């Protein structure tokens, strides 16, 4: 008999690669979400959210791609790539090692601990392990929203960085949430919180990839529950249900193959696609499944792909427009700094409590900006700023302007 396919190490490798990508993608600068500029940063280039074709097309793709996977490869993401499942499996194994083979501390189950291992030292080791993992993993999300330099200031407790102070508070809260997830939530998150799993239960079909049981050989597994005992989600793999908690991990397939390999036969469990039986090739089964898929969902995905492509095509134009906008904003910021210095006397009087001087300071700055850059798109707003604040200053001081709507010479604070 040929060696039966083993899925465990392949699945574990896939999970570790996915987790590594979650860390390396933002750390290396390949992708980051910049909230300050309302853009995605991809390989150092800004993808502006104002590029509506690209963003809306991406949203359609993200919304429909999971539905297409539900209908074809089922829950492979959950069993083979999801970091949440990897952490839950690790936490379960460590719990079983320190508190007993049948120990459970999950939120959706009653507390179970082996009497022989219910020792303070075991609890301390388990808690410190979960806390250490939470402290390391909680840093990763920050790389998706902040620059590596900002995250480094968080890690090194740099008190001179005001942003790091805010990040540190957010980090402590994130550590608390991740610790709870690893320690007690685990698969409860998958069953009742995860949006992907909720969608899977709505859209998954019998045609999707699933575990198949060879019922014709049912006599070979009489009084055997080896596959059920190895199931991560605690279901009976011999009774496949479309909307069960199976995550297509293949652990039950490996377990059954290992057991029957002793007698020189294959196990009774295998991965199947669609409902067709017999020697039909995997390619034919896949085409049959795709033919029965929801083409409305496929059409929406294709529309999103086309919009995304158009957005990429017009990205250079949007990039030039945003750069011009940023240049104007940078120039205004520089002029504002200069004008604040020219109007320092009014600001000083305002700080001393002279309300009229406060209006005069605002009018002075706007007048300065207007003289420095009269062709600016903001020139109309600056002109209005001069008129309104000059009038308010005059009203406060008891003076009357000779002409309404005209710029009057600015007077210093008295």
Protein backbone atom coordinates (compact mmCIF):
# COMPACT_ATOMS: atom_id res chain seq x y z
CA UNK A 1 0.00 0.00 0.00
CA UNK A 2 1.27 3.49 -0.86
CA UNK A 3 1.90 5.96 1.90
CA UNK A 4 -1.33 7.78 2.75
CA UNK A 5 -1.35 11.56 2.42
CA UNK A 6 -0.56 13.31 5.68
CA UNK A 7 -2.07 16.77 6.20
CA UNK A 8 -0.90 17.77 9.69
CA UNK A 9 2.58 19.06 8.92
CA UNK A 10 1.43 20.71 5.67
CA UNK A 11 -1.35 22.50 7.51
CA UNK A 12 0.96 23.58 10.32
CA UNK A 13 3.47 24.95 7.80
CA UNK A 14 0.71 26.88 6.02
CA UNK A 15 -0.48 28.35 9.32
CA UNK A 16 3.01 29.45 10.30
CA UNK A 17 3.63 31.03 6.88
CA UNK A 18 0.32 32.93 7.13
CA UNK A 19 1.20 34.16 10.62
CA UNK A 20 4.64 35.19 9.40
CA UNK A 21 3.07 37.14 6.53
CA UNK A 22 0.78 38.96 8.96
CA UNK A 23 3.92 40.17 10.71
CA UNK A 24 6.26 40.79 7.77
CA UNK A 25 3.81 42.56 5.45
CA UNK A 26 3.34 45.65 7.66
CA UNK A 27 6.82 45.53 9.25
CA UNK A 28 8.54 45.52 5.85
CA UNK A 29 6.41 48.42 4.62
CA UNK A 30 4.62 46.43 1.93
CA UNK A 31 1.23 47.52 3.23
CA UNK A 32 0.09 50.06 5.81
CA UNK A 33 -3.10 52.03 6.52
CA UNK A 34 -2.33 55.73 6.91
CA UNK A 35 -5.24 57.37 8.71
CA UNK A 36 -3.56 60.81 8.71
CA UNK A 37 -3.63 61.00 4.90
CA UNK A 38 -6.67 58.73 4.32
CA UNK A 39 -4.77 56.29 2.16
CA UNK A 40 -3.25 52.84 1.88
CA UNK A 41 0.53 52.76 1.65
CA UNK A 42 1.64 49.98 -0.70
CA UNK A 43 5.39 49.64 -1.30
CA UNK A 44 5.81 53.24 -0.18
CA UNK A 45 3.16 54.57 -2.60
CA UNK A 46 -0.09 56.10 -1.36
CA UNK A 47 -3.35 54.63 -2.62
CA UNK A 48 -5.75 57.45 -1.83
CA UNK A 49 -9.21 56.67 -0.54
CA UNK A 50 -10.47 59.49 -2.76
CA UNK A 51 -9.83 57.14 -5.71
CA UNK A 52 -13.40 55.87 -5.46
CA UNK A 53 -13.21 53.40 -8.35
CA UNK A 54 -10.27 51.58 -6.77
CA UNK A 55 -11.64 51.61 -3.23
CA UNK A 56 -15.19 50.62 -4.17
CA UNK A 57 -13.91 47.91 -6.48
CA UNK A 58 -11.69 46.58 -3.70
CA UNK A 59 -14.66 46.61 -1.30
CA UNK A 60 -16.76 44.56 -3.73
CA UNK A 61 -13.95 42.03 -4.13
CA UNK A 62 -13.41 41.72 -0.38
CA UNK A 63 -17.16 41.28 0.20
CA UNK A 64 -17.70 38.60 -2.46
CA UNK A 65 -14.41 36.65 -2.41
CA UNK A 66 -15.26 34.89 0.88
CA UNK A 67 -18.66 33.87 -0.48
CA UNK A 68 -16.98 32.26 -3.49
CA UNK A 69 -14.63 30.36 -1.20
CA UNK A 70 -17.58 29.16 0.93
CA UNK A 71 -19.10 27.61 -2.19
CA UNK A 72 -15.89 25.93 -3.39
CA UNK A 73 -13.14 25.25 -0.84
CA UNK A 74 -15.42 25.63 2.20
CA UNK A 75 -13.66 26.33 5.47
CA UNK A 76 -10.07 25.73 4.35
CA UNK A 77 -9.11 29.23 5.48
CA UNK A 78 -10.23 28.41 9.02
CA UNK A 79 -8.35 25.14 9.27
CA UNK A 80 -5.24 25.93 7.25
CA UNK A 81 -4.48 29.66 7.50
CA UNK A 82 -6.43 31.49 10.22
CA UNK A 83 -4.07 32.74 12.98
CA UNK A 84 -6.95 32.56 15.48
CA UNK A 85 -7.16 28.79 15.02
CA UNK A 86 -3.40 28.42 15.28
CA UNK A 87 -3.34 30.29 18.59
CA UNK A 88 -6.36 28.35 19.88
CA UNK A 89 -4.71 25.02 19.05
CA UNK A 90 -1.48 26.10 20.74
CA UNK A 91 -3.36 27.29 23.83
CA UNK A 92 -5.32 24.02 24.02
CA UNK A 93 -2.19 21.88 23.79
CA UNK A 94 -0.39 23.91 26.45
CA UNK A 95 -3.45 23.74 28.69
CA UNK A 96 -3.67 19.97 28.29
CA UNK A 97 0.04 19.59 29.02
CA UNK A 98 -0.06 21.65 32.22
CA UNK A 99 -3.58 20.99 33.52
CA UNK A 100 -4.46 17.56 32.18
CA UNK A 101 -5.37 15.85 28.88
CA UNK A 102 -9.06 16.69 29.30
CA UNK A 103 -8.54 20.08 30.96
CA UNK A 104 -10.70 22.96 29.77
CA UNK A 105 -10.67 26.64 30.70
CA UNK A 106 -12.70 27.86 27.71
CA UNK A 107 -15.44 30.40 28.28
CA UNK A 108 -18.11 28.19 26.71
CA UNK A 109 -17.31 25.13 28.84
CA UNK A 110 -17.20 24.38 32.52
CA UNK A 111 -13.80 24.49 34.21
CA UNK A 112 -12.09 21.09 34.13
CA UNK A 113 -8.65 20.48 35.63
CA UNK A 114 -6.92 17.21 36.48
CA UNK A 115 -6.58 16.94 40.26
CA UNK A 116 -2.96 15.79 40.01
CA UNK A 117 -1.98 18.88 37.98
CA UNK A 118 -4.10 21.50 39.74
CA UNK A 119 -1.03 23.18 41.21
CA UNK A 120 -0.21 26.92 41.56
CA UNK A 121 3.04 26.52 39.60
CA UNK A 122 1.22 25.06 36.58
CA UNK A 123 -1.30 27.89 36.62
CA UNK A 124 1.48 30.49 36.89
CA UNK A 125 3.42 28.98 33.97
CA UNK A 126 0.27 28.83 31.84
CA UNK A 127 -0.68 32.43 32.66
CA UNK A 128 2.82 33.77 31.97
CA UNK A 129 2.96 31.88 28.65
CA UNK A 130 -0.38 33.36 27.54
CA UNK A 131 0.62 36.83 28.73
CA UNK A 132 3.97 36.68 26.93
CA UNK A 133 2.29 35.61 23.69
CA UNK A 134 -0.27 38.41 24.07
CA UNK A 135 2.44 41.04 24.64
CA UNK A 136 4.32 39.98 21.50
CA UNK A 137 1.29 39.58 19.24
CA UNK A 138 -0.29 42.87 20.36
CA UNK A 139 2.54 44.81 18.74
CA UNK A 140 1.74 43.49 15.27
CA UNK A 141 -1.52 45.44 14.62
CA UNK A 142 0.28 48.73 15.30
CA UNK A 143 2.51 48.19 12.25
CA UNK A 144 -0.62 48.30 10.07
CA UNK A 145 -1.46 51.86 11.23
CA UNK A 146 1.81 53.46 12.37
CA UNK A 147 5.29 53.79 10.91
CA UNK A 148 8.03 51.43 12.13
CA UNK A 149 9.70 54.43 13.83
CA UNK A 150 6.54 55.17 15.84
CA UNK A 151 6.17 51.52 16.82
CA UNK A 152 9.82 51.43 17.85
CA UNK A 153 9.24 54.40 20.14
CA UNK A 154 6.38 52.39 21.68
CA UNK A 155 8.60 49.36 22.24
CA UNK A 156 11.45 51.43 23.72
CA UNK A 157 9.10 53.47 25.96
CA UNK A 158 10.24 56.74 24.38
CA UNK A 159 8.59 59.41 26.55
CA UNK A 160 9.60 62.25 24.19
CA UNK A 161 7.18 60.98 21.51
CA UNK A 162 3.64 62.18 22.31
CA UNK A 163 2.15 59.69 19.84
CA UNK A 164 3.93 56.85 21.65
CA UNK A 165 2.12 57.80 24.86
CA UNK A 166 -1.25 57.36 23.14
CA UNK A 167 -0.08 54.14 21.47
CA UNK A 168 1.09 52.74 24.79
CA UNK A 169 -2.36 53.11 26.32
CA UNK A 170 -3.90 51.46 23.29
CA UNK A 171 -1.26 48.72 23.48
CA UNK A 172 -2.14 47.82 27.07
CA UNK A 173 -5.80 47.48 26.08
CA UNK A 174 -4.84 45.33 23.08
CA UNK A 175 -2.73 43.06 25.31
CA UNK A 176 -5.72 42.61 27.60
CA UNK A 177 -7.99 41.61 24.68
CA UNK A 178 -5.46 39.21 23.12
CA UNK A 179 -4.77 37.62 26.50
CA UNK A 180 -8.50 36.98 27.01
CA UNK A 181 -8.75 35.54 23.51
CA UNK A 182 -5.86 33.09 24.05
CA UNK A 183 -6.73 32.21 27.65
CA UNK A 184 -10.48 31.62 27.62
CA UNK A 185 -12.21 32.66 24.37
CA UNK A 186 -10.42 30.57 21.73
CA UNK A 187 -12.94 28.70 19.52
CA UNK A 188 -15.84 30.63 21.05
CA UNK A 189 -14.66 33.48 18.81
CA UNK A 190 -14.90 31.24 15.74
CA UNK A 191 -18.36 29.91 16.57
CA UNK A 192 -20.12 33.12 17.63
CA UNK A 193 -18.06 36.20 16.73
CA UNK A 194 -16.09 35.61 13.53
CA UNK A 195 -17.81 37.22 10.53
CA UNK A 196 -16.15 34.77 8.15
CA UNK A 197 -17.62 31.75 9.95
CA UNK A 198 -21.05 33.39 10.12
CA UNK A 199 -20.93 33.93 6.36
CA UNK A 200 -19.77 30.35 5.87
CA UNK A 201 -22.84 29.06 7.67
CA UNK A 202 -25.06 31.17 5.43
CA UNK A 203 -23.51 30.46 2.02
CA UNK A 204 -21.72 27.10 2.30
CA UNK A 205 -23.20 24.37 0.07
CA UNK A 206 -22.93 20.58 -0.20
CA UNK A 207 -20.72 21.10 -3.24
CA UNK A 208 -17.97 22.76 -1.19
CA UNK A 209 -14.85 20.87 -0.14
CA UNK A 210 -15.67 18.63 2.82
CA UNK A 211 -14.76 15.41 4.64
CA UNK A 212 -16.15 12.28 2.96
CA UNK A 213 -16.85 9.03 4.80
CA UNK A 214 -16.75 5.67 3.03
CA UNK A 215 -19.95 4.17 4.47
CA UNK A 216 -19.43 0.94 2.49
CA UNK A 217 -16.62 0.08 4.91
CA UNK A 218 -18.46 1.12 8.07
CA UNK A 219 -17.74 -2.31 9.62
CA UNK A 220 -14.06 -1.31 9.77
CA UNK A 221 -14.76 1.42 12.31
CA UNK A 222 -17.13 -0.34 14.68
CA UNK A 223 -16.68 0.99 18.22
CA UNK A 224 -13.91 3.28 17.01
CA UNK A 225 -13.94 6.99 17.83
CA UNK A 226 -10.31 7.76 16.97
CA UNK A 227 -11.31 10.35 14.38
CA UNK A 228 -13.74 12.06 16.76
CA UNK A 229 -11.12 12.15 19.51
CA UNK A 230 -8.66 13.86 17.14
CA UNK A 231 -11.20 16.39 15.83
CA UNK A 232 -10.27 19.94 16.82
CA UNK A 233 -13.88 21.12 16.91
CA UNK A 234 -15.22 18.02 18.68
CA UNK A 235 -17.61 16.74 16.00
CA UNK A 236 -18.12 13.27 14.50
CA UNK A 237 -16.39 13.32 11.07
CA UNK A 238 -18.32 10.21 9.93
CA UNK A 239 -21.55 12.23 9.93
CA UNK A 240 -20.89 15.17 7.63
CA UNK A 241 -23.30 18.07 7.83
CA UNK A 242 -23.24 21.07 5.51
CA UNK A 243 -23.35 23.63 8.31
CA UNK A 244 -21.37 21.86 11.03
CA UNK A 245 -18.24 23.23 12.74
CA UNK A 246 -15.78 21.32 10.53
CA UNK A 247 -12.82 23.49 9.52
CA UNK A 248 -11.37 21.09 6.89
CA UNK A 249 -8.15 20.70 8.87
CA UNK A 250 -7.71 17.02 7.90
CA UNK A 251 -6.67 15.87 11.39
CA UNK A 252 -9.40 13.21 11.38
CA UNK A 253 -8.22 11.96 7.98
CA UNK A 254 -4.67 11.60 9.30
CA UNK A 255 -5.91 9.83 12.42
CA UNK A 256 -7.98 7.32 10.45
CA UNK A 257 -5.13 6.69 8.01
CA UNK A 258 -2.66 6.08 10.84
CA UNK A 259 -4.99 3.58 12.47
CA UNK A 260 -5.69 1.60 9.29
CA UNK A 261 -2.09 1.72 8.10
CA UNK A 262 -1.35 -0.89 10.77
CA UNK A 263 -3.54 -3.34 8.86
CA UNK A 264 -2.25 -2.28 5.44
CA UNK A 265 -5.40 -0.42 4.32
CA UNK A 266 -6.44 3.18 3.76
CA UNK A 267 -8.66 5.07 6.17
CA UNK A 268 -12.35 5.64 5.61
CA UNK A 269 -12.10 9.44 5.57
CA UNK A 270 -10.90 11.71 2.77
CA UNK A 271 -11.43 15.16 1.32
CA UNK A 272 -14.23 15.35 -1.22
CA UNK A 273 -15.50 18.06 -3.56
CA UNK A 274 -19.12 18.13 -4.66
CA UNK A 275 -21.55 15.27 -4.39
CA UNK A 276 -20.30 13.19 -7.32
CA UNK A 277 -19.06 9.72 -6.32
CA UNK A 278 -16.72 7.34 -8.06
CA UNK A 279 -13.45 7.89 -9.93
CA UNK A 280 -14.38 11.33 -11.28
CA UNK A 281 -11.26 13.51 -11.45
CA UNK A 282 -10.78 16.42 -9.10
CA UNK A 283 -10.71 18.83 -12.06
CA UNK A 284 -14.10 17.65 -13.30
CA UNK A 285 -15.55 17.93 -9.81
CA UNK A 286 -14.19 21.48 -9.48
CA UNK A 287 -15.71 22.52 -12.81
CA UNK A 288 -19.03 21.03 -11.75
CA UNK A 289 -18.96 22.92 -8.46
CA UNK A 290 -18.11 26.20 -10.24
CA UNK A 291 -20.93 25.59 -12.72
CA UNK A 292 -23.42 25.35 -9.85
CA UNK A 293 -22.04 28.38 -7.99
CA UNK A 294 -23.98 31.59 -7.61
CA UNK A 295 -23.14 33.57 -10.74
CA UNK A 296 -24.63 36.76 -9.31
CA UNK A 297 -21.89 36.73 -6.69
CA UNK A 298 -19.33 35.99 -9.40
CA UNK A 299 -20.61 38.89 -11.50
CA UNK A 300 -20.31 41.29 -8.55
CA UNK A 301 -16.76 40.05 -7.91
CA UNK A 302 -15.89 40.57 -11.59
CA UNK A 303 -17.39 44.08 -11.50
CA UNK A 304 -15.29 44.86 -8.47
CA UNK A 305 -12.19 43.53 -10.23
CA UNK A 306 -12.85 45.75 -13.26
CA UNK A 307 -13.41 48.81 -11.07
CA UNK A 308 -10.24 48.02 -9.15
CA UNK A 309 -8.31 47.74 -12.42
CA UNK A 310 -9.66 51.10 -13.58
CA UNK A 311 -8.70 52.62 -10.25
CA UNK A 312 -5.15 51.34 -10.64
CA UNK A 313 -5.07 52.78 -14.18
CA UNK A 314 -6.10 56.24 -12.95
CA UNK A 315 -3.99 56.11 -9.80
CA UNK A 316 -1.23 58.30 -11.28
CA UNK A 317 -3.70 61.11 -11.95
CA UNK A 318 -5.04 60.85 -8.40
CA UNK A 319 -1.48 60.76 -7.08
CA UNK A 320 -0.64 64.00 -8.91
CA UNK A 321 -3.81 65.68 -7.63
CA UNK A 322 -3.12 64.68 -4.04
CA UNK A 323 0.51 65.76 -4.26
CA UNK A 324 -0.59 69.18 -5.55
CA UNK A 325 -3.11 69.41 -2.70
CA UNK A 326 -0.45 68.48 -0.15
CA UNK A 327 1.93 71.06 -1.62
CA UNK A 328 -0.71 73.77 -1.18
CA UNK A 329 -1.39 72.66 2.40
CA UNK A 330 2.34 72.61 3.19
CA UNK A 331 2.76 76.11 1.80
CA UNK A 332 -0.16 77.36 3.90
CA UNK A 333 1.36 75.80 7.01
CA UNK A 334 4.68 77.50 6.35
CA UNK A 335 2.99 80.88 5.74
CA UNK A 336 0.90 80.44 8.87
CA UNK A 337 4.06 80.09 10.94
CA UNK A 338 5.50 83.26 9.40
CA UNK A 339 2.28 85.21 9.86
CA UNK A 340 1.98 84.20 13.51
CA UNK A 341 5.34 85.84 14.07
CA UNK A 342 4.26 89.06 12.30
CA UNK A 343 1.13 89.23 14.43
CA UNK A 344 2.88 88.41 17.71
CA UNK A 345 1.92 91.76 19.30
CA UNK A 346 -1.80 91.08 18.82
CA UNK A 347 -1.39 87.52 20.11
CA UNK A 348 0.40 88.75 23.20
CA UNK A 349 -2.39 91.25 23.93
CA UNK A 350 -4.96 88.49 23.38
CA UNK A 351 -3.17 86.25 25.85
CA UNK A 352 -3.24 89.12 28.34
CA UNK A 353 -7.05 89.13 28.17
CA UNK A 354 -7.79 91.76 25.49
CA UNK A 355 -10.72 90.26 23.53
CA UNK A 356 -10.49 92.87 20.79
CA UNK A 357 -6.84 91.94 20.25
CA UNK A 358 -7.86 88.30 19.73
CA UNK A 359 -10.03 89.27 16.78
CA UNK A 360 -7.30 91.61 15.52
CA UNK A 361 -4.77 88.75 15.72
CA UNK A 362 -7.00 86.52 13.59
CA UNK A 363 -7.58 89.30 11.07
CA UNK A 364 -3.86 90.09 11.03
CA UNK A 365 -2.94 86.49 10.18
CA UNK A 366 -5.53 86.28 7.40
CA UNK A 367 -4.35 89.62 5.97
CA UNK A 368 -0.77 88.36 6.03
CA UNK A 369 -1.72 85.14 4.23
CA UNK A 370 -3.70 87.09 1.65
CA UNK A 371 -0.75 89.38 0.87
CA UNK A 372 1.72 86.48 0.72
CA UNK A 373 -0.39 84.32 -1.62
CA UNK A 374 -3.24 86.31 -3.24
CA UNK A 375 -3.78 83.66 -5.94
CA UNK A 376 -4.42 80.84 -3.43
CA UNK A 377 -7.74 78.97 -3.68
CA UNK A 378 -8.26 80.04 -0.06
CA UNK A 379 -7.92 83.76 -0.82
CA UNK A 380 -11.70 84.27 -0.70
CA UNK A 381 -11.92 82.70 2.74
CA UNK A 382 -8.98 84.80 3.96
CA UNK A 383 -10.64 88.00 2.69
CA UNK A 384 -13.81 87.09 4.53
CA UNK A 385 -11.75 86.28 7.64
CA UNK A 386 -10.18 89.78 7.54
CA UNK A 387 -13.54 91.51 7.18
CA UNK A 388 -15.36 89.53 9.86
CA UNK A 389 -12.65 89.65 12.51
CA UNK A 390 -11.92 93.33 11.90
CA UNK A 391 -15.61 94.09 12.35
CA UNK A 392 -15.77 92.02 15.54
CA UNK A 393 -12.68 93.75 16.92
CA UNK A 394 -14.24 97.13 16.21
CA UNK A 395 -17.53 96.08 17.82
CA UNK A 396 -15.80 94.91 20.96
CA UNK A 397 -13.72 98.09 21.29
CA UNK A 398 -16.75 100.33 20.66
CA UNK A 399 -15.52 101.67 17.30
CA UNK A 400 -17.51 101.71 14.05
CA UNK A 401 -16.08 100.97 10.66
CA UNK A 402 -16.75 103.53 8.00
CA UNK A 403 -17.54 100.93 5.31
CA UNK A 404 -19.25 97.56 5.68
CA UNK A 405 -17.54 94.67 3.85
CA UNK A 406 -14.26 96.56 3.27
CA UNK A 407 -10.91 95.70 4.77
CA UNK A 408 -9.88 98.29 7.30
CA UNK A 409 -6.37 98.94 8.54
CA UNK A 410 -5.55 96.76 11.48
CA UNK A 411 -4.79 98.45 14.77
CA UNK A 412 -2.53 97.06 17.41
CA UNK A 413 -3.79 95.91 20.78
CA UNK A 414 -4.29 98.68 23.23
